[in-house]
């Protein structure tokens, strides 16, 4: 029984979410190198989808077919991770407050803003905290997914070409 690229995206996204919880609750946050494990799961999930596709693809299969398969995987992962990010941020409002504290400390150290300007900047940062993080998540997961899909697709196509 073969599972589709979309289903592989669901498995990959679920594994990434599980790893994110493990990292957050064992290390007390995401500011550590273990976060690369989550990205490695992402890369492996996309490669897994493309590898299985390459075993079924003919020698004349075009780049677009490979990319479409990778896209079906990484778009599901992106959706899951953006939803996870939104829910996680709603469950942990202290993250926004910590960001505000960090921004205020950095601005005070710079010494080139009035207290009113600092307060206005922090209010704006709080207001845009979730939208900014969600946009960054969408962008980063789409870019990483597209790059991994493009490179891996090209490798599998070249490998089939030279195997002839």
C-alpha atoms as a PDB file:
ATOM      1  CA  UNK A   1       0.000   0.000   0.000  1.00  0.00           C
ATOM      2  CA  UNK A   2       1.474   3.308  -1.123  1.00  0.00           C
ATOM      3  CA  UNK A   3       0.598   6.579   0.548  1.00  0.00           C
ATOM      4  CA  UNK A   4       0.206   9.765  -1.454  1.00  0.00           C
ATOM      5  CA  UNK A   5       2.468  12.792  -1.322  1.00  0.00           C
ATOM      6  CA  UNK A   6      -0.312  14.666   0.490  1.00  0.00           C
ATOM      7  CA  UNK A   7      -0.471  11.934   3.126  1.00  0.00           C
ATOM      8  CA  UNK A   8       3.318  12.077   3.442  1.00  0.00           C
ATOM      9  CA  UNK A   9       2.905  15.800   4.070  1.00  0.00           C
ATOM     10  CA  UNK A  10       0.441  15.034   6.866  1.00  0.00           C
ATOM     11  CA  UNK A  11       2.853  12.532   8.441  1.00  0.00           C
ATOM     12  CA  UNK A  12       5.773  14.940   8.067  1.00  0.00           C
ATOM     13  CA  UNK A  13       3.830  17.878   9.513  1.00  0.00           C
ATOM     14  CA  UNK A  14       2.619  15.783  12.453  1.00  0.00           C
ATOM     15  CA  UNK A  15       6.209  14.676  13.162  1.00  0.00           C
ATOM     16  CA  UNK A  16       7.402  18.297  12.994  1.00  0.00           C
ATOM     17  CA  UNK A  17       4.682  19.426  15.389  1.00  0.00           C
ATOM     18  CA  UNK A  18       5.519  16.607  17.807  1.00  0.00           C
ATOM     19  CA  UNK A  19       9.220  17.533  17.646  1.00  0.00           C
ATOM     20  CA  UNK A  20       8.374  21.206  18.205  1.00  0.00           C
ATOM     21  CA  UNK A  21       6.450  20.327  21.365  1.00  0.00           C
ATOM     22  CA  UNK A  22       9.307  18.138  22.574  1.00  0.00           C
ATOM     23  CA  UNK A  23      11.833  20.904  21.969  1.00  0.00           C
ATOM     24  CA  UNK A  24       9.722  23.605  23.587  1.00  0.00           C
ATOM     25  CA  UNK A  25       8.810  21.654  26.692  1.00  0.00           C
ATOM     26  CA  UNK A  26      12.218  20.032  27.273  1.00  0.00           C
ATOM     27  CA  UNK A  27      14.360  23.076  26.482  1.00  0.00           C
ATOM     28  CA  UNK A  28      11.969  25.802  27.609  1.00  0.00           C
ATOM     29  CA  UNK A  29      11.807  27.498  24.222  1.00  0.00           C
ATOM     30  CA  UNK A  30      12.795  27.391  20.580  1.00  0.00           C
ATOM     31  CA  UNK A  31      16.037  29.358  20.848  1.00  0.00           C
ATOM     32  CA  UNK A  32      18.345  26.382  20.522  1.00  0.00           C
ATOM     33  CA  UNK A  33      19.950  24.254  17.840  1.00  0.00           C
ATOM     34  CA  UNK A  34      17.439  21.419  18.282  1.00  0.00           C
ATOM     35  CA  UNK A  35      15.100  23.405  16.046  1.00  0.00           C
ATOM     36  CA  UNK A  36      17.226  22.128  13.146  1.00  0.00           C
ATOM     37  CA  UNK A  37      15.869  18.649  13.883  1.00  0.00           C
ATOM     38  CA  UNK A  38      12.413  19.936  12.967  1.00  0.00           C
ATOM     39  CA  UNK A  39      13.702  21.327   9.682  1.00  0.00           C
ATOM     40  CA  UNK A  40      15.511  18.047   9.006  1.00  0.00           C
ATOM     41  CA  UNK A  41      12.207  16.206   9.407  1.00  0.00           C
ATOM     42  CA  UNK A  42      10.728  18.628   6.861  1.00  0.00           C
ATOM     43  CA  UNK A  43      13.530  18.003   4.375  1.00  0.00           C
ATOM     44  CA  UNK A  44      13.294  14.246   4.826  1.00  0.00           C
ATOM     45  CA  UNK A  45       9.514  14.313   4.331  1.00  0.00           C
ATOM     46  CA  UNK A  46       9.779  16.113   1.003  1.00  0.00           C
ATOM     47  CA  UNK A  47      12.642  13.873  -0.141  1.00  0.00           C
ATOM     48  CA  UNK A  48      10.606  10.817   0.918  1.00  0.00           C
ATOM     49  CA  UNK A  49       7.667  11.931  -1.250  1.00  0.00           C
ATOM     50  CA  UNK A  50       9.947  12.560  -4.230  1.00  0.00           C
ATOM     51  CA  UNK A  51      11.933   9.345  -3.759  1.00  0.00           C
ATOM     52  CA  UNK A  52       8.773   7.233  -3.804  1.00  0.00           C
ATOM     53  CA  UNK A  53       7.567   9.129  -6.857  1.00  0.00           C
ATOM     54  CA  UNK A  54      10.894   8.583  -8.627  1.00  0.00           C
ATOM     55  CA  UNK A  55      10.568   4.819  -8.199  1.00  0.00           C
ATOM     56  CA  UNK A  56       7.242   4.914 -10.084  1.00  0.00           C
ATOM     57  CA  UNK A  57       8.158   7.628 -12.611  1.00  0.00           C
ATOM     58  CA  UNK A  58       9.218   6.745 -16.106  1.00  0.00           C
ATOM     59  CA  UNK A  59      12.501   7.814 -17.657  1.00  0.00           C
ATOM     60  CA  UNK A  60      10.733  10.599 -19.543  1.00  0.00           C
ATOM     61  CA  UNK A  61       8.993  12.091 -16.492  1.00  0.00           C
ATOM     62  CA  UNK A  62       9.398  15.841 -16.548  1.00  0.00           C
ATOM     63  CA  UNK A  63      10.459  18.244 -13.820  1.00  0.00           C
ATOM     64  CA  UNK A  64       6.891  19.549 -13.476  1.00  0.00           C
ATOM     65  CA  UNK A  65       5.602  16.135 -12.430  1.00  0.00           C
ATOM     66  CA  UNK A  66       8.277  15.824  -9.789  1.00  0.00           C
ATOM     67  CA  UNK A  67       7.688  19.358  -8.562  1.00  0.00           C
ATOM     68  CA  UNK A  68       3.944  18.762  -8.393  1.00  0.00           C
ATOM     69  CA  UNK A  69       4.534  15.753  -6.164  1.00  0.00           C
ATOM     70  CA  UNK A  70       6.846  17.697  -3.855  1.00  0.00           C
ATOM     71  CA  UNK A  71       4.384  20.592  -3.805  1.00  0.00           C
ATOM     72  CA  UNK A  72       1.572  18.302  -2.630  1.00  0.00           C
ATOM     73  CA  UNK A  73       3.771  17.326   0.295  1.00  0.00           C
ATOM     74  CA  UNK A  74       5.237  20.683   1.269  1.00  0.00           C
ATOM     75  CA  UNK A  75       2.011  22.657   0.933  1.00  0.00           C
ATOM     76  CA  UNK A  76       0.359  20.366   3.492  1.00  0.00           C
ATOM     77  CA  UNK A  77       3.350  20.724   5.819  1.00  0.00           C
ATOM     78  CA  UNK A  78       3.222  24.503   5.415  1.00  0.00           C
ATOM     79  CA  UNK A  79      -0.487  24.583   6.233  1.00  0.00           C
ATOM     80  CA  UNK A  80      -0.034  22.387   9.309  1.00  0.00           C
ATOM     81  CA  UNK A  81       2.941  24.374  10.604  1.00  0.00           C
ATOM     82  CA  UNK A  82       1.187  27.718  10.136  1.00  0.00           C
ATOM     83  CA  UNK A  83      -1.874  26.397  11.973  1.00  0.00           C
ATOM     84  CA  UNK A  84       0.389  24.999  14.686  1.00  0.00           C
ATOM     85  CA  UNK A  85       2.178  28.343  14.988  1.00  0.00           C
ATOM     86  CA  UNK A  86      -1.102  30.245  15.333  1.00  0.00           C
ATOM     87  CA  UNK A  87      -2.539  27.881  17.943  1.00  0.00           C
ATOM     88  CA  UNK A  88       0.758  27.717  19.826  1.00  0.00           C
ATOM     89  CA  UNK A  89       1.014  31.503  19.996  1.00  0.00           C
ATOM     90  CA  UNK A  90      -2.568  31.744  21.257  1.00  0.00           C
ATOM     91  CA  UNK A  91      -1.774  29.148  23.928  1.00  0.00           C
ATOM     92  CA  UNK A  92       1.383  31.011  24.974  1.00  0.00           C
ATOM     93  CA  UNK A  93       0.641  34.746  25.171  1.00  0.00           C
ATOM     94  CA  UNK A  94       3.729  35.102  27.346  1.00  0.00           C
ATOM     95  CA  UNK A  95       5.812  34.831  24.166  1.00  0.00           C
ATOM     96  CA  UNK A  96       4.422  38.157  22.940  1.00  0.00           C
ATOM     97  CA  UNK A  97       5.064  39.728  26.315  1.00  0.00           C
ATOM     98  CA  UNK A  98       8.649  38.441  26.349  1.00  0.00           C
ATOM     99  CA  UNK A  99       9.176  39.883  22.859  1.00  0.00           C
ATOM    100  CA  UNK A 100       7.903  43.254  24.148  1.00  0.00           C
ATOM    101  CA  UNK A 101      10.320  43.154  27.086  1.00  0.00           C
ATOM    102  CA  UNK A 102      13.221  42.295  24.767  1.00  0.00           C
ATOM    103  CA  UNK A 103      12.340  45.091  22.326  1.00  0.00           C
ATOM    104  CA  UNK A 104      12.035  47.626  25.139  1.00  0.00           C
ATOM    105  CA  UNK A 105      15.404  46.608  26.635  1.00  0.00           C
ATOM    106  CA  UNK A 106      17.100  46.849  23.238  1.00  0.00           C
ATOM    107  CA  UNK A 107      15.600  50.270  22.553  1.00  0.00           C
ATOM    108  CA  UNK A 108      16.594  51.584  25.976  1.00  0.00           C
ATOM    109  CA  UNK A 109      20.174  50.374  25.401  1.00  0.00           C
ATOM    110  CA  UNK A 110      20.286  52.195  22.066  1.00  0.00           C
ATOM    111  CA  UNK A 111      19.308  55.360  23.874  1.00  0.00           C
ATOM    112  CA  UNK A 112      18.004  57.190  20.810  1.00  0.00           C
ATOM    113  CA  UNK A 113      14.247  57.016  21.519  1.00  0.00           C
ATOM    114  CA  UNK A 114      12.028  58.872  23.925  1.00  0.00           C
ATOM    115  CA  UNK A 115       9.911  56.872  26.387  1.00  0.00           C
ATOM    116  CA  UNK A 116       6.828  57.769  24.331  1.00  0.00           C
ATOM    117  CA  UNK A 117       8.465  56.487  21.116  1.00  0.00           C
ATOM    118  CA  UNK A 118       9.477  53.283  22.903  1.00  0.00           C
ATOM    119  CA  UNK A 119       5.916  52.743  24.151  1.00  0.00           C
ATOM    120  CA  UNK A 120       4.486  53.375  20.659  1.00  0.00           C
ATOM    121  CA  UNK A 121       6.973  50.974  19.068  1.00  0.00           C
ATOM    122  CA  UNK A 122       6.165  48.272  21.619  1.00  0.00           C
ATOM    123  CA  UNK A 123       2.419  48.732  21.096  1.00  0.00           C
ATOM    124  CA  UNK A 124       2.934  48.352  17.330  1.00  0.00           C
ATOM    125  CA  UNK A 125       5.158  45.301  17.828  1.00  0.00           C
ATOM    126  CA  UNK A 126       2.540  43.653  20.032  1.00  0.00           C
ATOM    127  CA  UNK A 127      -0.172  44.385  17.498  1.00  0.00           C
ATOM    128  CA  UNK A 128       1.813  42.873  14.620  1.00  0.00           C
ATOM    129  CA  UNK A 129       3.387  39.998  16.584  1.00  0.00           C
ATOM    130  CA  UNK A 130       1.131  37.155  15.415  1.00  0.00           C
ATOM    131  CA  UNK A 131       0.628  38.338  11.815  1.00  0.00           C
ATOM    132  CA  UNK A 132       4.376  38.852  11.426  1.00  0.00           C
ATOM    133  CA  UNK A 133       5.245  35.417  12.780  1.00  0.00           C
ATOM    134  CA  UNK A 134       2.580  33.742  10.648  1.00  0.00           C
ATOM    135  CA  UNK A 135       3.770  35.510   7.500  1.00  0.00           C
ATOM    136  CA  UNK A 136       7.345  34.522   8.289  1.00  0.00           C
ATOM    137  CA  UNK A 137       6.258  30.906   8.815  1.00  0.00           C
ATOM    138  CA  UNK A 138       4.331  30.792   5.534  1.00  0.00           C
ATOM    139  CA  UNK A 139       7.184  32.359   3.612  1.00  0.00           C
ATOM    140  CA  UNK A 140       9.956  30.258   5.125  1.00  0.00           C
ATOM    141  CA  UNK A 141       8.146  26.927   4.803  1.00  0.00           C
ATOM    142  CA  UNK A 142       7.139  27.644   1.209  1.00  0.00           C
ATOM    143  CA  UNK A 143      10.634  28.755   0.205  1.00  0.00           C
ATOM    144  CA  UNK A 144      12.347  25.830   1.905  1.00  0.00           C
ATOM    145  CA  UNK A 145       9.815  23.375   0.463  1.00  0.00           C
ATOM    146  CA  UNK A 146      10.146  24.771  -3.046  1.00  0.00           C
ATOM    147  CA  UNK A 147      13.963  24.759  -2.915  1.00  0.00           C
ATOM    148  CA  UNK A 148      14.191  21.222  -1.554  1.00  0.00           C
ATOM    149  CA  UNK A 149      11.639  20.046  -4.109  1.00  0.00           C
ATOM    150  CA  UNK A 150      13.430  21.721  -7.016  1.00  0.00           C
ATOM    151  CA  UNK A 151      16.889  20.446  -6.072  1.00  0.00           C
ATOM    152  CA  UNK A 152      15.730  16.934  -5.212  1.00  0.00           C
ATOM    153  CA  UNK A 153      13.638  16.718  -8.383  1.00  0.00           C
ATOM    154  CA  UNK A 154      16.623  17.727 -10.485  1.00  0.00           C
ATOM    155  CA  UNK A 155      18.804  15.136  -8.735  1.00  0.00           C
ATOM    156  CA  UNK A 156      16.300  12.328  -9.332  1.00  0.00           C
ATOM    157  CA  UNK A 157      15.835  13.336 -12.972  1.00  0.00           C
ATOM    158  CA  UNK A 158      19.599  13.402 -13.540  1.00  0.00           C
ATOM    159  CA  UNK A 159      20.032  10.104 -11.737  1.00  0.00           C
ATOM    160  CA  UNK A 160      17.479   8.436 -14.034  1.00  0.00           C
ATOM    161  CA  UNK A 161      19.107  10.031 -17.074  1.00  0.00           C
ATOM    162  CA  UNK A 162      22.524   8.633 -16.194  1.00  0.00           C
ATOM    163  CA  UNK A 163      21.145   5.239 -15.191  1.00  0.00           C
ATOM    164  CA  UNK A 164      20.156   4.571 -18.810  1.00  0.00           C
END
